[in-house]
Each structure stands twice: as C-alpha cells, then as structure tokens.
C-alpha cells in the first residue's frame, strides 16, 4: 500500500471528511537535497474538509492530523502540507 493510500485511509477513518485530497508532491522536490530523486511518498499535501474540525483552531486541526500520521512521518515522510477546513469554511482549493 502506498504512503498516499495509507494517509487517505487513516484520514477517512478518523475524520469522515466531506472532501479529501491527498496529493503526492514528491516529484516537485527532486534535486532539493543531494541525492534526492523525488521518490514517491516523501512530500504530501492534505486538503480536507470535515465536520470534526468545527470549533477547532487551525493549530488544533494541524496537530490532530500530524498525530494521526506520525507513523508515516517516522517511516520517512519528509514534508506534510495540511490544509484543513470545517464545512462551510472558505478554502483556496
């Protein structure tokens, strides 16, 4: 199972999102560090809208997602961009 698939499954189970996009941006970072070839699953972006975030601060939302995905971070996920929202909140995507 790919990193993207694992992240998506965990987020769906934990937050039951209305909208969820997990985007692998690893290829955009090739060459940023010596020897890094843009290997799949190292740089991910999460765009999520879920009722579970209603009433939570932006920081609390980020912490909840980061804590959930800590195993992926421990296994080599290098960068995680998080764009969380509650239903009805404006998003840039």
N, C-alpha and C. Protein backbone atom coordinates (compact mmCIF):
# COMPACT_ATOMS: atom_id res chain seq x y z
N UNK A 1 0.85 -1.17 0.00
CA UNK A 1 0.00 0.00 0.00
C UNK A 1 0.90 1.24 0.00
N UNK A 2 0.59 2.20 -0.85
CA UNK A 2 1.40 3.41 -0.97
C UNK A 2 1.19 4.32 0.24
N UNK A 3 2.11 5.24 0.43
CA UNK A 3 2.00 6.22 1.51
C UNK A 3 0.72 7.02 1.32
N UNK A 4 0.44 7.45 0.12
CA UNK A 4 -0.77 8.23 -0.16
C UNK A 4 -2.03 7.45 0.22
N UNK A 5 -2.08 6.19 -0.13
CA UNK A 5 -3.24 5.35 0.18
C UNK A 5 -3.40 5.17 1.68
N UNK A 6 -2.30 4.95 2.38
CA UNK A 6 -2.36 4.80 3.85
C UNK A 6 -2.85 6.08 4.51
N UNK A 7 -2.33 7.22 4.06
CA UNK A 7 -2.74 8.51 4.62
C UNK A 7 -4.23 8.73 4.38
N UNK A 8 -4.66 8.49 3.16
CA UNK A 8 -6.07 8.67 2.81
C UNK A 8 -6.97 7.81 3.68
N UNK A 9 -6.62 6.55 3.86
CA UNK A 9 -7.43 5.63 4.67
C UNK A 9 -7.51 6.09 6.12
N UNK A 10 -6.39 6.50 6.69
CA UNK A 10 -6.38 6.96 8.08
C UNK A 10 -7.24 8.20 8.26
N UNK A 11 -7.12 9.15 7.34
CA UNK A 11 -7.90 10.38 7.43
C UNK A 11 -9.39 10.10 7.28
N UNK A 12 -9.77 9.22 6.37
CA UNK A 12 -11.18 8.88 6.19
C UNK A 12 -11.75 8.24 7.45
N UNK A 13 -10.99 7.33 8.04
CA UNK A 13 -11.46 6.63 9.24
C UNK A 13 -11.57 7.59 10.43
N UNK A 14 -10.58 8.45 10.60
CA UNK A 14 -10.55 9.33 11.77
C UNK A 14 -11.50 10.52 11.69
N UNK A 15 -11.67 11.09 10.49
CA UNK A 15 -12.39 12.35 10.37
C UNK A 15 -13.64 12.30 9.51
N UNK A 16 -13.91 11.22 8.81
CA UNK A 16 -15.08 11.09 7.93
C UNK A 16 -15.28 12.37 7.10
N UNK A 17 -14.29 12.73 6.29
CA UNK A 17 -14.35 14.01 5.58
C UNK A 17 -15.40 14.08 4.48
N UNK A 18 -15.90 15.30 4.27
CA UNK A 18 -16.78 15.58 3.13
C UNK A 18 -15.97 15.61 1.85
N UNK A 19 -14.78 16.21 1.95
CA UNK A 19 -13.86 16.29 0.82
C UNK A 19 -12.47 15.95 1.31
N UNK A 20 -11.75 15.20 0.50
CA UNK A 20 -10.39 14.83 0.86
C UNK A 20 -9.56 14.67 -0.39
N UNK A 21 -8.43 15.35 -0.41
CA UNK A 21 -7.46 15.20 -1.48
C UNK A 21 -6.10 14.98 -0.83
N UNK A 22 -5.46 13.90 -1.14
CA UNK A 22 -4.10 13.64 -0.68
C UNK A 22 -3.24 13.65 -1.94
N UNK A 23 -2.35 14.62 -2.02
CA UNK A 23 -1.58 14.86 -3.24
C UNK A 23 -0.11 14.59 -2.96
N UNK A 24 0.47 13.72 -3.77
CA UNK A 24 1.89 13.42 -3.65
C UNK A 24 2.67 14.44 -4.46
N UNK A 25 3.39 15.31 -3.77
CA UNK A 25 4.15 16.37 -4.42
C UNK A 25 5.65 16.05 -4.45
N UNK A 26 6.00 14.83 -4.21
CA UNK A 26 7.41 14.44 -4.09
C UNK A 26 8.22 14.78 -5.32
N UNK A 27 7.67 14.55 -6.50
CA UNK A 27 8.43 14.78 -7.73
C UNK A 27 8.81 16.25 -7.91
N UNK A 28 8.07 17.15 -7.28
CA UNK A 28 8.37 18.58 -7.39
C UNK A 28 9.62 18.97 -6.58
N UNK A 29 10.08 18.05 -5.74
CA UNK A 29 11.19 18.36 -4.84
C UNK A 29 12.49 17.64 -5.22
N UNK A 30 12.47 16.98 -6.35
CA UNK A 30 13.69 16.29 -6.81
C UNK A 30 14.83 17.29 -6.94
N UNK A 31 15.98 16.92 -6.42
CA UNK A 31 17.16 17.76 -6.51
C UNK A 31 17.29 18.82 -5.44
N UNK A 32 16.30 18.94 -4.55
CA UNK A 32 16.38 19.95 -3.49
C UNK A 32 17.44 19.59 -2.45
N UNK A 33 17.71 18.31 -2.34
CA UNK A 33 18.76 17.84 -1.44
C UNK A 33 19.64 16.91 -2.24
N UNK A 34 20.92 16.87 -1.92
CA UNK A 34 21.81 15.96 -2.66
C UNK A 34 21.30 14.52 -2.58
N UNK A 35 21.18 13.90 -3.73
CA UNK A 35 20.77 12.51 -3.79
C UNK A 35 19.27 12.27 -3.76
N UNK A 36 18.45 13.31 -3.57
CA UNK A 36 17.01 13.09 -3.55
C UNK A 36 16.46 13.16 -4.96
N UNK A 37 15.83 12.07 -5.38
CA UNK A 37 15.34 11.95 -6.75
C UNK A 37 13.84 12.18 -6.90
N UNK A 38 13.17 12.63 -5.83
CA UNK A 38 11.73 12.84 -5.91
C UNK A 38 10.95 11.58 -5.66
N UNK A 39 11.52 10.68 -4.86
CA UNK A 39 10.88 9.40 -4.58
C UNK A 39 9.46 9.59 -4.06
N UNK A 40 8.57 8.76 -4.54
CA UNK A 40 7.16 8.81 -4.19
C UNK A 40 6.96 8.71 -2.67
N UNK A 41 6.04 9.51 -2.16
CA UNK A 41 5.64 9.41 -0.77
C UNK A 41 6.46 10.20 0.22
N UNK A 42 7.35 11.06 -0.24
CA UNK A 42 8.18 11.81 0.71
C UNK A 42 7.61 13.20 1.02
N UNK A 43 6.83 13.78 0.11
CA UNK A 43 6.26 15.11 0.27
C UNK A 43 4.76 15.03 -0.08
N UNK A 44 3.91 15.22 0.91
CA UNK A 44 2.48 15.07 0.70
C UNK A 44 1.73 16.34 1.09
N UNK A 45 0.62 16.59 0.41
CA UNK A 45 -0.28 17.70 0.73
C UNK A 45 -1.65 17.09 1.03
N UNK A 46 -2.25 17.50 2.15
CA UNK A 46 -3.57 17.03 2.55
C UNK A 46 -4.53 18.21 2.52
N UNK A 47 -5.57 18.07 1.73
CA UNK A 47 -6.65 19.05 1.69
C UNK A 47 -7.90 18.32 2.18
N UNK A 48 -8.45 18.78 3.29
CA UNK A 48 -9.53 18.04 3.93
C UNK A 48 -10.58 18.98 4.50
N UNK A 49 -11.85 18.64 4.27
CA UNK A 49 -12.98 19.34 4.86
C UNK A 49 -13.75 18.30 5.66
N UNK A 50 -13.88 18.54 6.97
CA UNK A 50 -14.55 17.57 7.83
C UNK A 50 -15.28 18.28 8.97
N UNK A 51 -16.46 17.79 9.30
CA UNK A 51 -17.23 18.34 10.42
C UNK A 51 -16.47 18.21 11.73
N UNK A 52 -15.59 17.23 11.81
CA UNK A 52 -14.79 17.04 13.03
C UNK A 52 -13.95 18.26 13.36
N UNK A 53 -13.68 19.13 12.40
CA UNK A 53 -12.85 20.31 12.62
C UNK A 53 -13.65 21.52 13.09
N UNK A 54 -14.96 21.41 13.12
CA UNK A 54 -15.80 22.52 13.55
C UNK A 54 -15.45 22.90 14.99
N UNK A 55 -15.19 24.18 15.19
CA UNK A 55 -14.87 24.68 16.53
C UNK A 55 -13.42 24.51 16.94
N UNK A 56 -12.62 23.84 16.11
CA UNK A 56 -11.20 23.66 16.41
C UNK A 56 -10.39 24.80 15.81
N UNK A 57 -9.34 25.19 16.50
CA UNK A 57 -8.42 26.18 15.92
C UNK A 57 -7.64 25.53 14.80
N UNK A 58 -7.05 26.36 13.99
CA UNK A 58 -6.21 25.84 12.89
C UNK A 58 -5.07 24.98 13.45
N UNK A 59 -4.46 25.45 14.54
CA UNK A 59 -3.37 24.70 15.16
C UNK A 59 -3.85 23.35 15.67
N UNK A 60 -5.02 23.30 16.28
CA UNK A 60 -5.56 22.03 16.79
C UNK A 60 -5.84 21.06 15.63
N UNK A 61 -6.31 21.57 14.53
CA UNK A 61 -6.56 20.73 13.35
C UNK A 61 -5.25 20.13 12.84
N UNK A 62 -4.23 20.97 12.74
CA UNK A 62 -2.92 20.51 12.28
C UNK A 62 -2.36 19.46 13.23
N UNK A 63 -2.47 19.71 14.51
CA UNK A 63 -1.96 18.75 15.50
C UNK A 63 -2.69 17.40 15.40
N UNK A 64 -4.01 17.44 15.24
CA UNK A 64 -4.78 16.21 15.15
C UNK A 64 -4.34 15.38 13.95
N UNK A 65 -4.12 16.03 12.83
CA UNK A 65 -3.70 15.32 11.61
C UNK A 65 -2.27 14.83 11.76
N UNK A 66 -1.39 15.66 12.27
CA UNK A 66 0.01 15.27 12.44
C UNK A 66 0.14 14.08 13.40
N UNK A 67 -0.60 14.12 14.51
CA UNK A 67 -0.56 13.00 15.45
C UNK A 67 -1.05 11.70 14.80
N UNK A 68 -2.11 11.80 14.02
CA UNK A 68 -2.65 10.63 13.32
C UNK A 68 -1.63 10.05 12.34
N UNK A 69 -0.90 10.93 11.67
CA UNK A 69 0.04 10.50 10.63
C UNK A 69 1.47 10.34 11.12
N UNK A 70 1.68 10.38 12.43
CA UNK A 70 3.03 10.24 12.99
C UNK A 70 3.74 8.97 12.52
N UNK A 71 3.07 7.83 12.40
CA UNK A 71 3.77 6.64 11.89
C UNK A 71 4.36 6.84 10.49
N UNK A 72 3.66 7.56 9.62
CA UNK A 72 4.19 7.83 8.29
C UNK A 72 5.39 8.76 8.37
N UNK A 73 5.32 9.74 9.26
CA UNK A 73 6.45 10.65 9.45
C UNK A 73 7.65 9.87 9.96
N UNK A 74 7.42 8.99 10.91
CA UNK A 74 8.50 8.17 11.46
C UNK A 74 9.12 7.24 10.41
N UNK A 75 8.32 6.87 9.40
CA UNK A 75 8.80 5.96 8.35
C UNK A 75 9.40 6.70 7.16
N UNK A 76 9.54 8.03 7.24
CA UNK A 76 10.24 8.72 6.17
C UNK A 76 9.48 9.80 5.44
N UNK A 77 8.22 10.05 5.81
CA UNK A 77 7.50 11.18 5.21
C UNK A 77 8.24 12.44 5.61
N UNK A 78 8.79 13.14 4.64
CA UNK A 78 9.67 14.28 4.90
C UNK A 78 8.91 15.59 5.08
N UNK A 79 7.85 15.78 4.30
CA UNK A 79 7.10 17.04 4.35
C UNK A 79 5.61 16.76 4.25
N UNK A 80 4.85 17.47 5.07
CA UNK A 80 3.40 17.30 5.09
C UNK A 80 2.75 18.68 5.14
N UNK A 81 2.13 19.08 4.04
CA UNK A 81 1.38 20.34 3.99
C UNK A 81 -0.07 20.00 4.31
N UNK A 82 -0.65 20.75 5.24
CA UNK A 82 -2.01 20.45 5.70
C UNK A 82 -2.90 21.66 5.48
N UNK A 83 -4.02 21.44 4.79
CA UNK A 83 -5.00 22.49 4.52
C UNK A 83 -6.37 22.00 5.00
N UNK A 84 -6.64 22.13 6.32
CA UNK A 84 -7.90 21.64 6.87
C UNK A 84 -8.98 22.71 6.93
N UNK A 85 -10.23 22.29 6.84
CA UNK A 85 -11.35 23.22 6.96
C UNK A 85 -12.56 22.46 7.50
N UNK A 86 -13.44 23.21 8.12
CA UNK A 86 -14.74 22.67 8.53
C UNK A 86 -15.74 22.98 7.42
N UNK A 87 -16.84 22.26 7.35
CA UNK A 87 -17.84 22.54 6.32
C UNK A 87 -18.30 24.00 6.39
N UNK A 88 -18.42 24.62 5.22
CA UNK A 88 -18.86 25.99 5.14
C UNK A 88 -17.73 27.01 5.18
N UNK A 89 -16.55 26.59 5.57
CA UNK A 89 -15.41 27.50 5.58
C UNK A 89 -14.83 27.60 4.17
N UNK A 90 -14.34 28.78 3.87
CA UNK A 90 -13.75 29.01 2.56
C UNK A 90 -12.41 28.29 2.45
N UNK A 91 -12.17 27.72 1.30
CA UNK A 91 -10.88 27.10 1.00
C UNK A 91 -10.31 27.76 -0.24
N UNK A 92 -8.99 27.63 -0.42
CA UNK A 92 -8.35 28.19 -1.61
C UNK A 92 -8.26 27.14 -2.71
N UNK A 93 -8.88 26.02 -2.51
CA UNK A 93 -8.82 24.95 -3.49
C UNK A 93 -10.21 24.48 -3.76
